[in-house]
Amino acid sequence: MGKIYFICFIFMINGLFAQKKDKLNPIEIYEKAWSEPKSDVRLKIIKTIWLEESTFEDPSASIKGTAAFNNVINEFYKKYPDAVFSSGSKVVKDNYVSWDWKILDSKNKLIMAGRDFARLNGKGQVSKIIGFWNPQATLSEAEILNNLETENFKIVAQYYQSVFKTRDFTTMAHLIEEGAVYNQAEGLPYGGKFTGFNEWVKMYSKSAEFFDLEIEKEPVYFSDATKNEVMIYFTIKAKAKKSGKTISVPISEHFDLKNGKIIAIRPFYFDTKQFAEFLKSKK
């Protein structure tokens, strides 16, 4: 008898999950419509779950019908062409569904957030959506740090590309804060403390007198976003201009950043003394 009750219980649970899935399907399609930037494609999606008597209300609009709803989304994309949507878990009760959502831009900055309430018609379609905006919404600390880390990695990668690949000092100049400090190892023939981009350029030119280099291993990136720091670890293959000898040199570079710009760099060589002697050696 107990086994029969257990089987019935399993069927009941499966039935409830199936009902919930059926009710969430039009909501998933609704969210898919919001994530589709192309108007004609989106309208076809909307028509699968939206009726001419279906309504949408939020602080920006109060409309009825498929074309009107599509126009609401069109206007949104005109203002926020790089919007990225995300939403939380759904709460289902009878024919009602509610959930929280966020909209970020391409740089992961918060555009807006809120909560939607949907009434379904029981036939896989949406009868009404009411959207509430949350003007106090903010990104979590973890999201903020993740966004900062992503942006810092991007800046350092651009710097690395400009220095070691393209030799593009124009791009590099925009990445470096006025008065930024470069602390080059004192033991090197071009070592010292260099303040400001113009002094950095002189240091790069001085180093080029001693060796040519190519990247042997591309950098690995590490970060402490709480301190606005990035460190990269890579290997160069250097050819000394005096001796013609070559050497592989593992290097790590520590970057300090502020407000989206580099304010300090300090490189660390695996063996500074050996590298300095290599640069000064003669044939």
C-alpha atoms as a PDB file:
ATOM      1  CA  MET A   1       0.000   0.000   0.000  1.00  0.00           C
ATOM      2  CA  GLY A   2       2.850   2.327   0.895  1.00  0.00           C
ATOM      3  CA  LYS A   3       4.399   1.764  -2.513  1.00  0.00           C
ATOM      4  CA  ILE A   4       1.132   2.756  -4.225  1.00  0.00           C
ATOM      5  CA  TYR A   5       0.970   5.984  -2.205  1.00  0.00           C
ATOM      6  CA  PHE A   6       4.576   6.738  -3.110  1.00  0.00           C
ATOM      7  CA  ILE A   7       3.884   6.231  -6.842  1.00  0.00           C
ATOM      8  CA  CYS A   8       0.827   8.472  -6.622  1.00  0.00           C
ATOM      9  CA  PHE A   9       2.908  11.114  -4.861  1.00  0.00           C
ATOM     10  CA  ILE A  10       5.531  10.982  -7.629  1.00  0.00           C
ATOM     11  CA  PHE A  11       2.847  11.385 -10.298  1.00  0.00           C
ATOM     12  CA  MET A  12       1.393  14.342  -8.418  1.00  0.00           C
ATOM     13  CA  ILE A  13       4.800  16.057  -8.129  1.00  0.00           C
ATOM     14  CA  ASN A  14       5.535  15.444 -11.816  1.00  0.00           C
ATOM     15  CA  GLY A  15       2.147  16.896 -12.679  1.00  0.00           C
ATOM     16  CA  LEU A  16       2.843  20.041 -10.680  1.00  0.00           C
ATOM     17  CA  PHE A  17       6.241  20.501 -12.345  1.00  0.00           C
ATOM     18  CA  ALA A  18       4.651  20.012 -15.764  1.00  0.00           C
ATOM     19  CA  GLN A  19       1.991  22.633 -14.976  1.00  0.00           C
ATOM     20  CA  LYS A  20       4.636  25.085 -13.818  1.00  0.00           C
ATOM     21  CA  LYS A  21       6.712  24.488 -16.948  1.00  0.00           C
ATOM     22  CA  ASP A  22       3.673  25.085 -19.164  1.00  0.00           C
ATOM     23  CA  LYS A  23       2.964  28.360 -17.374  1.00  0.00           C
ATOM     24  CA  LEU A  24       6.577  29.498 -17.605  1.00  0.00           C
ATOM     25  CA  ASN A  25       6.832  28.808 -21.341  1.00  0.00           C
ATOM     26  CA  PRO A  26       5.040  32.038 -22.425  1.00  0.00           C
ATOM     27  CA  ILE A  27       7.183  33.993 -19.951  1.00  0.00           C
ATOM     28  CA  GLU A  28      10.356  32.526 -21.456  1.00  0.00           C
ATOM     29  CA  ILE A  29       9.142  33.550 -24.917  1.00  0.00           C
ATOM     30  CA  TYR A  30       8.235  37.024 -23.561  1.00  0.00           C
ATOM     31  CA  GLU A  31      11.811  37.422 -22.295  1.00  0.00           C
ATOM     32  CA  LYS A  32      13.152  36.117 -25.593  1.00  0.00           C
ATOM     33  CA  ALA A  33      11.191  38.887 -27.345  1.00  0.00           C
ATOM     34  CA  TRP A  34      12.831  41.522 -25.151  1.00  0.00           C
ATOM     35  CA  SER A  35      16.259  40.078 -25.977  1.00  0.00           C
ATOM     36  CA  GLU A  36      15.685  40.204 -29.761  1.00  0.00           C
ATOM     37  CA  PRO A  37      16.974  43.496 -31.245  1.00  0.00           C
ATOM     38  CA  LYS A  38      15.528  42.915 -34.740  1.00  0.00           C
ATOM     39  CA  SER A  39      11.988  44.281 -34.977  1.00  0.00           C
ATOM     40  CA  ASP A  40      10.615  41.904 -37.632  1.00  0.00           C
ATOM     41  CA  VAL A  41      11.995  38.803 -35.946  1.00  0.00           C
ATOM     42  CA  ARG A  42      10.738  40.010 -32.581  1.00  0.00           C
ATOM     43  CA  LEU A  43       7.204  40.638 -33.857  1.00  0.00           C
ATOM     44  CA  LYS A  44       6.934  37.014 -34.975  1.00  0.00           C
ATOM     45  CA  ILE A  45       8.043  35.915 -31.494  1.00  0.00           C
ATOM     46  CA  ILE A  46       5.539  38.242 -29.801  1.00  0.00           C
ATOM     47  CA  LYS A  47       2.624  36.920 -31.844  1.00  0.00           C
ATOM     48  CA  THR A  48       3.149  33.397 -30.487  1.00  0.00           C
ATOM     49  CA  ILE A  49       2.221  34.441 -26.913  1.00  0.00           C
ATOM     50  CA  TRP A  50       0.602  37.895 -27.266  1.00  0.00           C
ATOM     51  CA  LEU A  51      -2.982  38.644 -28.296  1.00  0.00           C
ATOM     52  CA  GLU A  52      -4.470  41.816 -29.739  1.00  0.00           C
ATOM     53  CA  GLU A  53      -6.253  42.324 -26.395  1.00  0.00           C
ATOM     54  CA  SER A  54      -3.110  41.610 -24.354  1.00  0.00           C
ATOM     55  CA  THR A  55      -1.832  44.661 -22.459  1.00  0.00           C
ATOM     56  CA  PHE A  56       1.508  45.928 -21.201  1.00  0.00           C
ATOM     57  CA  GLU A  57       1.976  48.609 -18.542  1.00  0.00           C
ATOM     58  CA  ASP A  58       5.085  50.095 -16.965  1.00  0.00           C
ATOM     59  CA  PRO A  59       6.203  53.652 -16.067  1.00  0.00           C
ATOM     60  CA  SER A  60       7.030  54.349 -19.722  1.00  0.00           C
ATOM     61  CA  ALA A  61       3.994  52.933 -21.536  1.00  0.00           C
ATOM     62  CA  SER A  62       0.437  51.591 -21.386  1.00  0.00           C
ATOM     63  CA  ILE A  63      -0.458  49.734 -24.593  1.00  0.00           C
ATOM     64  CA  LYS A  64      -2.554  46.949 -26.109  1.00  0.00           C
ATOM     65  CA  GLY A  65      -1.837  44.577 -28.998  1.00  0.00           C
ATOM     66  CA  THR A  66       1.152  42.971 -30.708  1.00  0.00           C
ATOM     67  CA  ALA A  67       2.333  45.883 -32.869  1.00  0.00           C
ATOM     68  CA  ALA A  68       2.121  48.345 -29.982  1.00  0.00           C
ATOM     69  CA  PHE A  69       4.114  46.056 -27.711  1.00  0.00           C
ATOM     70  CA  ASN A  70       6.747  45.599 -30.417  1.00  0.00           C
ATOM     71  CA  ASN A  71       7.008  49.390 -30.754  1.00  0.00           C
ATOM     72  CA  VAL A  72       7.659  49.711 -27.004  1.00  0.00           C
ATOM     73  CA  ILE A  73      10.676  47.424 -27.362  1.00  0.00           C
ATOM     74  CA  ASN A  74      11.779  49.217 -30.544  1.00  0.00           C
ATOM     75  CA  GLU A  75      11.864  52.528 -28.664  1.00  0.00           C
ATOM     76  CA  PHE A  76      13.817  50.931 -25.847  1.00  0.00           C
ATOM     77  CA  TYR A  77      16.515  49.662 -28.242  1.00  0.00           C
ATOM     78  CA  LYS A  78      16.816  53.115 -29.833  1.00  0.00           C
ATOM     79  CA  LYS A  79      17.807  54.427 -26.419  1.00  0.00           C
ATOM     80  CA  TYR A  80      19.817  51.387 -25.259  1.00  0.00           C
ATOM     81  CA  PRO A  81      21.133  49.554 -28.359  1.00  0.00           C
ATOM     82  CA  ASP A  82      23.578  47.408 -26.364  1.00  0.00           C
ATOM     83  CA  ALA A  83      21.154  46.346 -23.613  1.00  0.00           C
ATOM     84  CA  VAL A  84      21.610  42.906 -22.048  1.00  0.00           C
ATOM     85  CA  PHE A  85      18.713  41.369 -20.113  1.00  0.00           C
ATOM     86  CA  SER A  86      18.831  38.991 -17.162  1.00  0.00           C
ATOM     87  CA  SER A  87      16.137  37.769 -14.786  1.00  0.00           C
ATOM     88  CA  GLY A  88      15.752  35.918 -11.525  1.00  0.00           C
ATOM     89  CA  SER A  89      13.712  32.872 -10.573  1.00  0.00           C
ATOM     90  CA  LYS A  90       9.981  32.873 -11.315  1.00  0.00           C
ATOM     91  CA  VAL A  91       7.218  32.665  -8.718  1.00  0.00           C
ATOM     92  CA  VAL A  92       4.080  30.944 -10.043  1.00  0.00           C
ATOM     93  CA  LYS A  93       0.684  31.063  -8.358  1.00  0.00           C
ATOM     94  CA  ASP A  94      -2.397  29.962 -10.277  1.00  0.00           C
ATOM     95  CA  ASN A  95      -2.234  31.863 -13.590  1.00  0.00           C
ATOM     96  CA  TYR A  96       0.104  34.551 -12.281  1.00  0.00           C
ATOM     97  CA  VAL A  97       3.888  34.746 -12.577  1.00  0.00           C
ATOM     98  CA  SER A  98       6.278  37.307 -11.054  1.00  0.00           C
ATOM     99  CA  TRP A  99      10.051  37.739 -11.257  1.00  0.00           C
ATOM    100  CA  ASP A 100      12.867  40.257 -10.814  1.00  0.00           C
ATOM    101  CA  TRP A 101      14.979  41.470 -13.731  1.00  0.00           C
ATOM    102  CA  LYS A 102      18.007  43.615 -14.546  1.00  0.00           C
ATOM    103  CA  ILE A 103      19.187  45.339 -17.717  1.00  0.00           C
ATOM    104  CA  LEU A 104      22.894  46.038 -18.197  1.00  0.00           C
ATOM    105  CA  ASP A 105      24.797  47.735 -21.006  1.00  0.00           C
ATOM    106  CA  SER A 106      27.710  46.244 -22.933  1.00  0.00           C
ATOM    107  CA  LYS A 107      30.107  47.406 -20.187  1.00  0.00           C
ATOM    108  CA  ASN A 108      28.025  45.635 -17.531  1.00  0.00           C
ATOM    109  CA  LYS A 109      26.767  48.904 -16.075  1.00  0.00           C
ATOM    110  CA  LEU A 110      23.236  48.851 -14.692  1.00  0.00           C
ATOM    111  CA  ILE A 111      20.627  50.550 -16.895  1.00  0.00           C
ATOM    112  CA  MET A 112      17.573  49.664 -14.835  1.00  0.00           C
ATOM    113  CA  ALA A 113      16.021  46.925 -12.729  1.00  0.00           C
ATOM    114  CA  GLY A 114      12.576  46.012 -11.462  1.00  0.00           C
ATOM    115  CA  ARG A 115       9.909  43.362 -11.112  1.00  0.00           C
ATOM    116  CA  ASP A 116       7.282  42.132 -13.586  1.00  0.00           C
ATOM    117  CA  PHE A 117       3.908  40.568 -12.894  1.00  0.00           C
ATOM    118  CA  ALA A 118       2.209  38.531 -15.641  1.00  0.00           C
ATOM    119  CA  ARG A 119      -1.331  37.201 -15.912  1.00  0.00           C
ATOM    120  CA  LEU A 120      -1.712  34.188 -18.207  1.00  0.00           C
ATOM    121  CA  ASN A 121      -4.873  33.040 -19.966  1.00  0.00           C
ATOM    122  CA  GLY A 122      -4.292  29.340 -19.332  1.00  0.00           C
ATOM    123  CA  LYS A 123      -3.766  28.664 -23.042  1.00  0.00           C
ATOM    124  CA  GLY A 124      -0.062  29.423 -23.261  1.00  0.00           C
ATOM    125  CA  GLN A 125      -0.544  33.140 -23.851  1.00  0.00           C
ATOM    126  CA  VAL A 126      -0.035  36.331 -21.862  1.00  0.00           C
ATOM    127  CA  SER A 127      -3.081  38.425 -21.000  1.00  0.00           C
ATOM    128  CA  LYS A 128      -1.353  41.226 -19.125  1.00  0.00           C
ATOM    129  CA  ILE A 129       2.103  42.350 -18.005  1.00  0.00           C
ATOM    130  CA  ILE A 130       2.655  44.997 -15.353  1.00  0.00           C
ATOM    131  CA  GLY A 131       6.236  46.164 -14.884  1.00  0.00           C
ATOM    132  CA  PHE A 132       7.567  48.017 -11.863  1.00  0.00           C
ATOM    133  CA  TRP A 133      10.922  49.797 -11.939  1.00  0.00           C
ATOM    134  CA  ASN A 134      13.216  49.907  -8.941  1.00  0.00           C
ATOM    135  CA  PRO A 135      14.970  53.312  -8.865  1.00  0.00           C
ATOM    136  CA  GLN A 136      17.068  52.203  -5.872  1.00  0.00           C
ATOM    137  CA  ALA A 137      18.441  49.151  -7.672  1.00  0.00           C
ATOM    138  CA  THR A 138      22.205  48.751  -7.601  1.00  0.00           C
ATOM    139  CA  LEU A 139      24.664  46.112  -8.640  1.00  0.00           C
ATOM    140  CA  SER A 140      25.874  43.792  -5.922  1.00  0.00           C
ATOM    141  CA  GLU A 141      29.422  44.221  -4.627  1.00  0.00           C
ATOM    142  CA  ALA A 142      30.422  41.031  -6.438  1.00  0.00           C
ATOM    143  CA  GLU A 143      28.964  42.337  -9.727  1.00  0.00           C
ATOM    144  CA  ILE A 144      30.737  45.676  -9.303  1.00  0.00           C
ATOM    145  CA  LEU A 145      34.092  43.991  -8.665  1.00  0.00           C
ATOM    146  CA  ASN A 146      33.579  41.619 -11.583  1.00  0.00           C
ATOM    147  CA  ASN A 147      32.808  44.550 -13.901  1.00  0.00           C
ATOM    148  CA  LEU A 148      35.848  46.446 -12.627  1.00  0.00           C
ATOM    149  CA  GLU A 149      38.084  43.427 -13.155  1.00  0.00           C
ATOM    150  CA  THR A 150      36.787  42.970 -16.711  1.00  0.00           C
ATOM    151  CA  GLU A 151      37.400  46.632 -17.522  1.00  0.00           C
ATOM    152  CA  ASN A 152      40.874  46.588 -15.959  1.00  0.00           C
ATOM    153  CA  PHE A 153      41.829  43.454 -17.917  1.00  0.00           C
ATOM    154  CA  LYS A 154      40.687  45.186 -21.098  1.00  0.00           C
ATOM    155  CA  ILE A 155      42.828  48.270 -20.396  1.00  0.00           C
ATOM    156  CA  VAL A 156      45.933  46.233 -19.565  1.00  0.00           C
ATOM    157  CA  ALA A 157      45.417  44.032 -22.645  1.00  0.00           C
ATOM    158  CA  GLN A 158      45.239  47.150 -24.831  1.00  0.00           C
ATOM    159  CA  TYR A 159      48.434  48.454 -23.255  1.00  0.00           C
ATOM    160  CA  TYR A 160      50.194  45.115 -23.788  1.00  0.00           C
ATOM    161  CA  GLN A 161      49.065  45.016 -27.409  1.00  0.00           C
ATOM    162  CA  SER A 162      50.242  48.595 -28.008  1.00  0.00           C
ATOM    163  CA  VAL A 163      53.695  48.041 -26.458  1.00  0.00           C
ATOM    164  CA  PHE A 164      54.618  44.571 -27.667  1.00  0.00           C
ATOM    165  CA  LYS A 165      52.617  44.026 -30.835  1.00  0.00           C
ATOM    166  CA  THR A 166      51.555  47.188 -32.684  1.00  0.00           C
ATOM    167  CA  ARG A 167      53.973  49.762 -31.210  1.00  0.00           C
ATOM    168  CA  ASP A 168      50.962  52.102 -31.183  1.00  0.00           C
ATOM    169  CA  PHE A 169      51.987  54.889 -28.811  1.00  0.00           C
ATOM    170  CA  THR A 170      48.928  56.987 -29.731  1.00  0.00           C
ATOM    171  CA  THR A 171      46.571  54.347 -28.337  1.00  0.00           C
ATOM    172  CA  MET A 172      48.864  53.779 -25.381  1.00  0.00           C
ATOM    173  CA  ALA A 173      48.811  57.461 -24.446  1.00  0.00           C
ATOM    174  CA  HIS A 174      45.041  57.332 -23.920  1.00  0.00           C
ATOM    175  CA  LEU A 175      45.416  54.438 -21.480  1.00  0.00           C
ATOM    176  CA  ILE A 176      47.886  56.174 -19.170  1.00  0.00           C
ATOM    177  CA  GLU A 177      46.978  58.762 -16.553  1.00  0.00           C
ATOM    178  CA  GLU A 178      48.879  62.039 -16.526  1.00  0.00           C
ATOM    179  CA  GLY A 179      51.772  61.725 -14.116  1.00  0.00           C
ATOM    180  CA  ALA A 180      51.690  57.928 -14.122  1.00  0.00           C
ATOM    181  CA  VAL A 181      54.842  56.282 -12.791  1.00  0.00           C
ATOM    182  CA  TYR A 182      56.864  53.474 -14.394  1.00  0.00           C
ATOM    183  CA  ASN A 183      59.383  51.878 -12.011  1.00  0.00           C
ATOM    184  CA  GLN A 184      61.880  50.033 -14.187  1.00  0.00           C
ATOM    185  CA  ALA A 185      64.453  47.766 -12.516  1.00  0.00           C
ATOM    186  CA  GLU A 186      67.455  49.885 -11.450  1.00  0.00           C
ATOM    187  CA  GLY A 187      69.943  47.200 -12.492  1.00  0.00           C
ATOM    188  CA  LEU A 188      69.026  47.505 -16.176  1.00  0.00           C
ATOM    189  CA  PRO A 189      70.838  49.980 -18.479  1.00  0.00           C
ATOM    190  CA  TYR A 190      67.499  51.729 -19.059  1.00  0.00           C
ATOM    191  CA  GLY A 191      66.322  51.392 -15.450  1.00  0.00           C
ATOM    192  CA  GLY A 192      64.918  54.042 -13.139  1.00  0.00           C
ATOM    193  CA  LYS A 193      61.724  55.851 -12.239  1.00  0.00           C
ATOM    194  CA  PHE A 194      59.860  57.485 -15.129  1.00  0.00           C
ATOM    195  CA  THR A 195      56.969  59.882 -14.525  1.00  0.00           C
ATOM    196  CA  GLY A 196      54.509  60.806 -17.257  1.00  0.00           C
ATOM    197  CA  PHE A 197      53.938  59.272 -20.657  1.00  0.00           C
ATOM    198  CA  ASN A 198      56.672  61.274 -22.415  1.00  0.00           C
ATOM    199  CA  GLU A 199      59.248  59.887 -19.992  1.00  0.00           C
ATOM    200  CA  TRP A 200      57.880  56.387 -20.563  1.00  0.00           C
ATOM    201  CA  VAL A 201      58.449  56.800 -24.296  1.00  0.00           C
ATOM    202  CA  LYS A 202      62.072  57.792 -23.677  1.00  0.00           C
ATOM    203  CA  MET A 203      62.524  54.658 -21.576  1.00  0.00           C
ATOM    204  CA  TYR A 204      61.030  52.465 -24.334  1.00  0.00           C
ATOM    205  CA  SER A 205      63.364  54.089 -26.880  1.00  0.00           C
ATOM    206  CA  LYS A 206      66.359  53.571 -24.597  1.00  0.00           C
ATOM    207  CA  SER A 207      65.534  49.873 -24.101  1.00  0.00           C
ATOM    208  CA  ALA A 208      65.260  49.405 -27.876  1.00  0.00           C
ATOM    209  CA  GLU A 209      68.932  50.367 -28.171  1.00  0.00           C
ATOM    210  CA  PHE A 210      69.907  47.191 -26.304  1.00  0.00           C
ATOM    211  CA  PHE A 211      67.689  44.401 -27.642  1.00  0.00           C
ATOM    212  CA  ASP A 212      64.970  43.234 -29.985  1.00  0.00           C
ATOM    213  CA  LEU A 213      62.227  41.043 -28.601  1.00  0.00           C
ATOM    214  CA  GLU A 214      59.417  38.740 -29.544  1.00  0.00           C
ATOM    215  CA  ILE A 215      56.746  37.248 -27.316  1.00  0.00           C
ATOM    216  CA  GLU A 216      57.508  33.629 -26.528  1.00  0.00           C
ATOM    217  CA  LYS A 217      54.522  33.034 -24.210  1.00  0.00           C
ATOM    218  CA  GLU A 218      51.413  35.217 -24.168  1.00  0.00           C
ATOM    219  CA  PRO A 219      50.448  36.717 -20.818  1.00  0.00           C
ATOM    220  CA  VAL A 220      48.335  35.177 -18.094  1.00  0.00           C
ATOM    221  CA  TYR A 221      46.222  37.735 -16.222  1.00  0.00           C
ATOM    222  CA  PHE A 222      45.689  37.990 -12.460  1.00  0.00           C
ATOM    223  CA  SER A 223      43.689  40.586 -10.585  1.00  0.00           C
ATOM    224  CA  ASP A 224      42.750  42.027  -7.229  1.00  0.00           C
ATOM    225  CA  ALA A 225      39.807  44.226  -8.178  1.00  0.00           C
ATOM    226  CA  THR A 226      39.361  45.418  -4.587  1.00  0.00           C
ATOM    227  CA  LYS A 227      42.712  47.211  -4.949  1.00  0.00           C
ATOM    228  CA  ASN A 228      42.368  48.082  -8.649  1.00  0.00           C
ATOM    229  CA  GLU A 229      45.420  45.968  -9.447  1.00  0.00           C
ATOM    230  CA  VAL A 230      46.272  43.679 -12.352  1.00  0.00           C
ATOM    231  CA  MET A 231      49.351  41.508 -12.826  1.00  0.00           C
ATOM    232  CA  ILE A 232      50.359  39.759 -16.033  1.00  0.00           C
ATOM    233  CA  TYR A 233      52.939  37.000 -16.423  1.00  0.00           C
ATOM    234  CA  PHE A 234      54.555  36.311 -19.806  1.00  0.00           C
ATOM    235  CA  THR A 235      57.849  35.347 -21.447  1.00  0.00           C
ATOM    236  CA  ILE A 236      59.886  37.273 -23.997  1.00  0.00           C
ATOM    237  CA  LYS A 237      62.665  36.056 -26.265  1.00  0.00           C
ATOM    238  CA  ALA A 238      65.268  38.819 -26.410  1.00  0.00           C
ATOM    239  CA  LYS A 239      68.163  39.262 -28.841  1.00  0.00           C
ATOM    240  CA  ALA A 240      70.993  41.490 -27.578  1.00  0.00           C
ATOM    241  CA  LYS A 241      72.127  44.030 -30.168  1.00  0.00           C
ATOM    242  CA  LYS A 242      75.722  44.061 -28.881  1.00  0.00           C
ATOM    243  CA  SER A 243      76.378  40.330 -28.836  1.00  0.00           C
ATOM    244  CA  GLY A 244      73.666  38.862 -31.059  1.00  0.00           C
ATOM    245  CA  LYS A 245      72.902  36.350 -28.278  1.00  0.00           C
ATOM    246  CA  THR A 246      69.340  35.381 -27.396  1.00  0.00           C
ATOM    247  CA  ILE A 247      67.685  34.625 -24.061  1.00  0.00           C
ATOM    248  CA  SER A 248      64.213  33.721 -22.803  1.00  0.00           C
ATOM    249  CA  VAL A 249      63.090  35.981 -19.959  1.00  0.00           C
ATOM    250  CA  PRO A 250      59.983  35.375 -17.824  1.00  0.00           C
ATOM    251  CA  ILE A 251      58.509  38.732 -16.769  1.00  0.00           C
ATOM    252  CA  SER A 252      55.604  39.790 -14.598  1.00  0.00           C
ATOM    253  CA  GLU A 253      54.234  43.328 -14.697  1.00  0.00           C
ATOM    254  CA  HIS A 254      52.188  44.864 -11.897  1.00  0.00           C
ATOM    255  CA  PHE A 255      49.636  47.529 -12.880  1.00  0.00           C
ATOM    256  CA  ASP A 256      47.811  50.005 -10.658  1.00  0.00           C
ATOM    257  CA  LEU A 257      44.693  51.532 -12.200  1.00  0.00           C
ATOM    258  CA  LYS A 258      42.283  54.298 -11.304  1.00  0.00           C
ATOM    259  CA  ASN A 259      39.163  55.558 -13.069  1.00  0.00           C
ATOM    260  CA  GLY A 260      39.867  53.430 -16.126  1.00  0.00           C
ATOM    261  CA  LYS A 261      43.500  54.451 -16.613  1.00  0.00           C
ATOM    262  CA  ILE A 262      46.923  53.070 -15.696  1.00  0.00           C
ATOM    263  CA  ILE A 263      48.595  55.079 -12.926  1.00  0.00           C
ATOM    264  CA  ALA A 264      51.660  52.891 -12.283  1.00  0.00           C
ATOM    265  CA  ILE A 265      53.586  49.915 -13.683  1.00  0.00           C
ATOM    266  CA  ARG A 266      56.373  47.919 -12.083  1.00  0.00           C
ATOM    267  CA  PRO A 267      57.944  45.020 -14.042  1.00  0.00           C
ATOM    268  CA  PHE A 268      59.660  42.083 -12.303  1.00  0.00           C
ATOM    269  CA  TYR A 269      62.258  39.996 -14.145  1.00  0.00           C
ATOM    270  CA  PHE A 270      62.940  36.365 -13.264  1.00  0.00           C
ATOM    271  CA  ASP A 271      66.632  37.223 -12.972  1.00  0.00           C
ATOM    272  CA  THR A 272      67.332  40.940 -13.367  1.00  0.00           C
ATOM    273  CA  LYS A 273      71.105  40.578 -12.866  1.00  0.00           C
ATOM    274  CA  GLN A 274      71.388  37.898 -15.551  1.00  0.00           C
ATOM    275  CA  PHE A 275      69.301  39.947 -17.992  1.00  0.00           C
ATOM    276  CA  ALA A 276      71.364  43.101 -17.364  1.00  0.00           C
ATOM    277  CA  GLU A 277      74.618  41.210 -17.971  1.00  0.00           C
ATOM    278  CA  PHE A 278      73.139  39.669 -21.112  1.00  0.00           C
ATOM    279  CA  LEU A 279      72.301  43.133 -22.506  1.00  0.00           C
ATOM    280  CA  LYS A 280      75.784  44.511 -21.780  1.00  0.00           C
ATOM    281  CA  SER A 281      77.745  41.476 -23.003  1.00  0.00           C
ATOM    282  CA  LYS A 282      79.846  41.752 -26.157  1.00  0.00           C
ATOM    283  CA  LYS A 283      80.559  39.185 -28.878  1.00  0.00           C
END
